[in-house]
């Protein structure tokens, strides 16, 4: 599962809708970000799309009053959780 040093490209920034493409990132990681976003009461909608699992980069769509900040917060939380899980698995 990759994308700890993820590269994101903002495709669109509207008033309350943001689309972000994550390059060279596993779709499962972005689904974890969507899960975190869905727990945020300030986020109205969060979803990931993928044109083809082998050739496309996941695109995250988020509708919120401050979508960019919500995405950054969710990504950081997922990265922290993955790092903690890796640390725990090494201790086994």
C-alpha atoms as a PDB file:
ATOM      1  CA  UNK A   1       0.000   0.000   0.000  1.00  0.00           C
ATOM      2  CA  UNK A   2       1.669   3.178  -1.088  1.00  0.00           C
ATOM      3  CA  UNK A   3       1.532   6.961  -0.989  1.00  0.00           C
ATOM      4  CA  UNK A   4       3.013   7.980   2.366  1.00  0.00           C
ATOM      5  CA  UNK A   5       4.963  10.659   0.469  1.00  0.00           C
ATOM      6  CA  UNK A   6       1.903  11.324  -1.637  1.00  0.00           C
ATOM      7  CA  UNK A   7       1.651  13.790  -4.450  1.00  0.00           C
ATOM      8  CA  UNK A   8      -1.695  15.542  -4.848  1.00  0.00           C
ATOM      9  CA  UNK A   9      -2.940  17.728  -7.665  1.00  0.00           C
ATOM     10  CA  UNK A  10      -5.997  19.930  -7.199  1.00  0.00           C
ATOM     11  CA  UNK A  11      -8.194  19.506 -10.274  1.00  0.00           C
ATOM     12  CA  UNK A  12     -10.890  21.956  -9.244  1.00  0.00           C
ATOM     13  CA  UNK A  13     -11.619  24.283  -6.370  1.00  0.00           C
ATOM     14  CA  UNK A  14     -15.113  25.659  -6.296  1.00  0.00           C
ATOM     15  CA  UNK A  15     -16.806  27.431  -3.426  1.00  0.00           C
ATOM     16  CA  UNK A  16     -17.553  24.256  -1.505  1.00  0.00           C
ATOM     17  CA  UNK A  17     -16.404  21.412  -3.791  1.00  0.00           C
ATOM     18  CA  UNK A  18     -12.810  20.273  -4.256  1.00  0.00           C
ATOM     19  CA  UNK A  19     -11.443  17.564  -6.555  1.00  0.00           C
ATOM     20  CA  UNK A  20      -7.961  16.212  -5.851  1.00  0.00           C
ATOM     21  CA  UNK A  21      -6.031  13.654  -7.887  1.00  0.00           C
ATOM     22  CA  UNK A  22      -3.513  11.540  -5.971  1.00  0.00           C
ATOM     23  CA  UNK A  23      -0.651  10.321  -8.150  1.00  0.00           C
ATOM     24  CA  UNK A  24       0.972   6.923  -7.621  1.00  0.00           C
ATOM     25  CA  UNK A  25      -1.285   6.206  -4.667  1.00  0.00           C
ATOM     26  CA  UNK A  26      -3.177   3.077  -3.786  1.00  0.00           C
ATOM     27  CA  UNK A  27      -6.940   3.498  -3.951  1.00  0.00           C
ATOM     28  CA  UNK A  28      -7.296   1.820  -0.542  1.00  0.00           C
ATOM     29  CA  UNK A  29      -5.368   4.661   1.118  1.00  0.00           C
ATOM     30  CA  UNK A  30      -7.721   7.233  -0.388  1.00  0.00           C
ATOM     31  CA  UNK A  31     -10.719   5.173   0.734  1.00  0.00           C
ATOM     32  CA  UNK A  32      -9.346   5.496   4.285  1.00  0.00           C
ATOM     33  CA  UNK A  33      -9.237   9.263   3.756  1.00  0.00           C
ATOM     34  CA  UNK A  34     -12.877   9.160   2.582  1.00  0.00           C
ATOM     35  CA  UNK A  35     -13.777   7.227   5.737  1.00  0.00           C
ATOM     36  CA  UNK A  36     -12.113   9.904   7.907  1.00  0.00           C
ATOM     37  CA  UNK A  37     -13.874  12.660   5.969  1.00  0.00           C
ATOM     38  CA  UNK A  38     -17.244  10.965   6.420  1.00  0.00           C
ATOM     39  CA  UNK A  39     -16.727  11.194  10.196  1.00  0.00           C
ATOM     40  CA  UNK A  40     -16.266  14.979   9.957  1.00  0.00           C
ATOM     41  CA  UNK A  41     -19.608  16.718  10.572  1.00  0.00           C
ATOM     42  CA  UNK A  42     -18.484  19.706   8.473  1.00  0.00           C
ATOM     43  CA  UNK A  43     -18.132  17.511   5.365  1.00  0.00           C
ATOM     44  CA  UNK A  44     -21.298  17.070   3.341  1.00  0.00           C
ATOM     45  CA  UNK A  45     -19.930  14.573   0.828  1.00  0.00           C
ATOM     46  CA  UNK A  46     -16.695  12.655   0.211  1.00  0.00           C
ATOM     47  CA  UNK A  47     -16.032  10.008  -2.435  1.00  0.00           C
ATOM     48  CA  UNK A  48     -13.241   8.561  -4.524  1.00  0.00           C
ATOM     49  CA  UNK A  49     -13.416   7.615  -8.191  1.00  0.00           C
ATOM     50  CA  UNK A  50     -11.014   5.587 -10.263  1.00  0.00           C
ATOM     51  CA  UNK A  51     -11.231   5.205 -14.030  1.00  0.00           C
ATOM     52  CA  UNK A  52      -9.356   1.901 -14.029  1.00  0.00           C
ATOM     53  CA  UNK A  53      -7.608   0.209 -11.083  1.00  0.00           C
ATOM     54  CA  UNK A  54      -4.436  -0.529 -13.045  1.00  0.00           C
ATOM     55  CA  UNK A  55      -3.952   2.679 -14.982  1.00  0.00           C
ATOM     56  CA  UNK A  56      -5.649   5.603 -13.244  1.00  0.00           C
ATOM     57  CA  UNK A  57      -4.901   7.746 -10.225  1.00  0.00           C
ATOM     58  CA  UNK A  58      -7.675   8.076  -7.620  1.00  0.00           C
ATOM     59  CA  UNK A  59      -9.664  11.313  -7.631  1.00  0.00           C
ATOM     60  CA  UNK A  60     -11.126  12.476  -4.334  1.00  0.00           C
ATOM     61  CA  UNK A  61     -14.215  14.704  -4.384  1.00  0.00           C
ATOM     62  CA  UNK A  62     -15.151  16.541  -1.218  1.00  0.00           C
ATOM     63  CA  UNK A  63     -18.011  18.926  -0.551  1.00  0.00           C
ATOM     64  CA  UNK A  64     -17.519  21.028   2.579  1.00  0.00           C
ATOM     65  CA  UNK A  65     -17.319  24.662   3.591  1.00  0.00           C
ATOM     66  CA  UNK A  66     -13.532  24.325   3.970  1.00  0.00           C
ATOM     67  CA  UNK A  67     -12.832  21.193   1.934  1.00  0.00           C
ATOM     68  CA  UNK A  68      -9.083  21.735   1.496  1.00  0.00           C
ATOM     69  CA  UNK A  69      -8.479  21.891   5.251  1.00  0.00           C
ATOM     70  CA  UNK A  70     -10.731  18.883   5.846  1.00  0.00           C
ATOM     71  CA  UNK A  71      -8.765  16.858   3.259  1.00  0.00           C
ATOM     72  CA  UNK A  72      -5.423  17.844   4.768  1.00  0.00           C
ATOM     73  CA  UNK A  73      -6.628  16.895   8.262  1.00  0.00           C
ATOM     74  CA  UNK A  74      -7.976  13.524   7.074  1.00  0.00           C
ATOM     75  CA  UNK A  75      -4.803  12.688   5.114  1.00  0.00           C
ATOM     76  CA  UNK A  76      -2.623  13.483   8.127  1.00  0.00           C
ATOM     77  CA  UNK A  77      -4.813  11.287  10.361  1.00  0.00           C
ATOM     78  CA  UNK A  78      -4.563   8.353   7.937  1.00  0.00           C
ATOM     79  CA  UNK A  79      -0.790   8.746   7.589  1.00  0.00           C
ATOM     80  CA  UNK A  80      -0.451   8.777  11.393  1.00  0.00           C
ATOM     81  CA  UNK A  81      -2.613   5.647  11.736  1.00  0.00           C
ATOM     82  CA  UNK A  82      -0.657   3.784   9.061  1.00  0.00           C
ATOM     83  CA  UNK A  83       2.665   4.745  10.676  1.00  0.00           C
ATOM     84  CA  UNK A  84       1.396   3.562  14.059  1.00  0.00           C
ATOM     85  CA  UNK A  85       0.203   0.255  12.577  1.00  0.00           C
ATOM     86  CA  UNK A  86       3.577  -0.275  10.913  1.00  0.00           C
ATOM     87  CA  UNK A  87       5.358   0.430  14.195  1.00  0.00           C
ATOM     88  CA  UNK A  88       3.119  -2.028  16.083  1.00  0.00           C
ATOM     89  CA  UNK A  89       3.581  -4.738  13.451  1.00  0.00           C
ATOM     90  CA  UNK A  90       7.387  -4.420  13.687  1.00  0.00           C
ATOM     91  CA  UNK A  91       7.162  -4.884  17.457  1.00  0.00           C
ATOM     92  CA  UNK A  92       5.470  -8.272  17.042  1.00  0.00           C
END
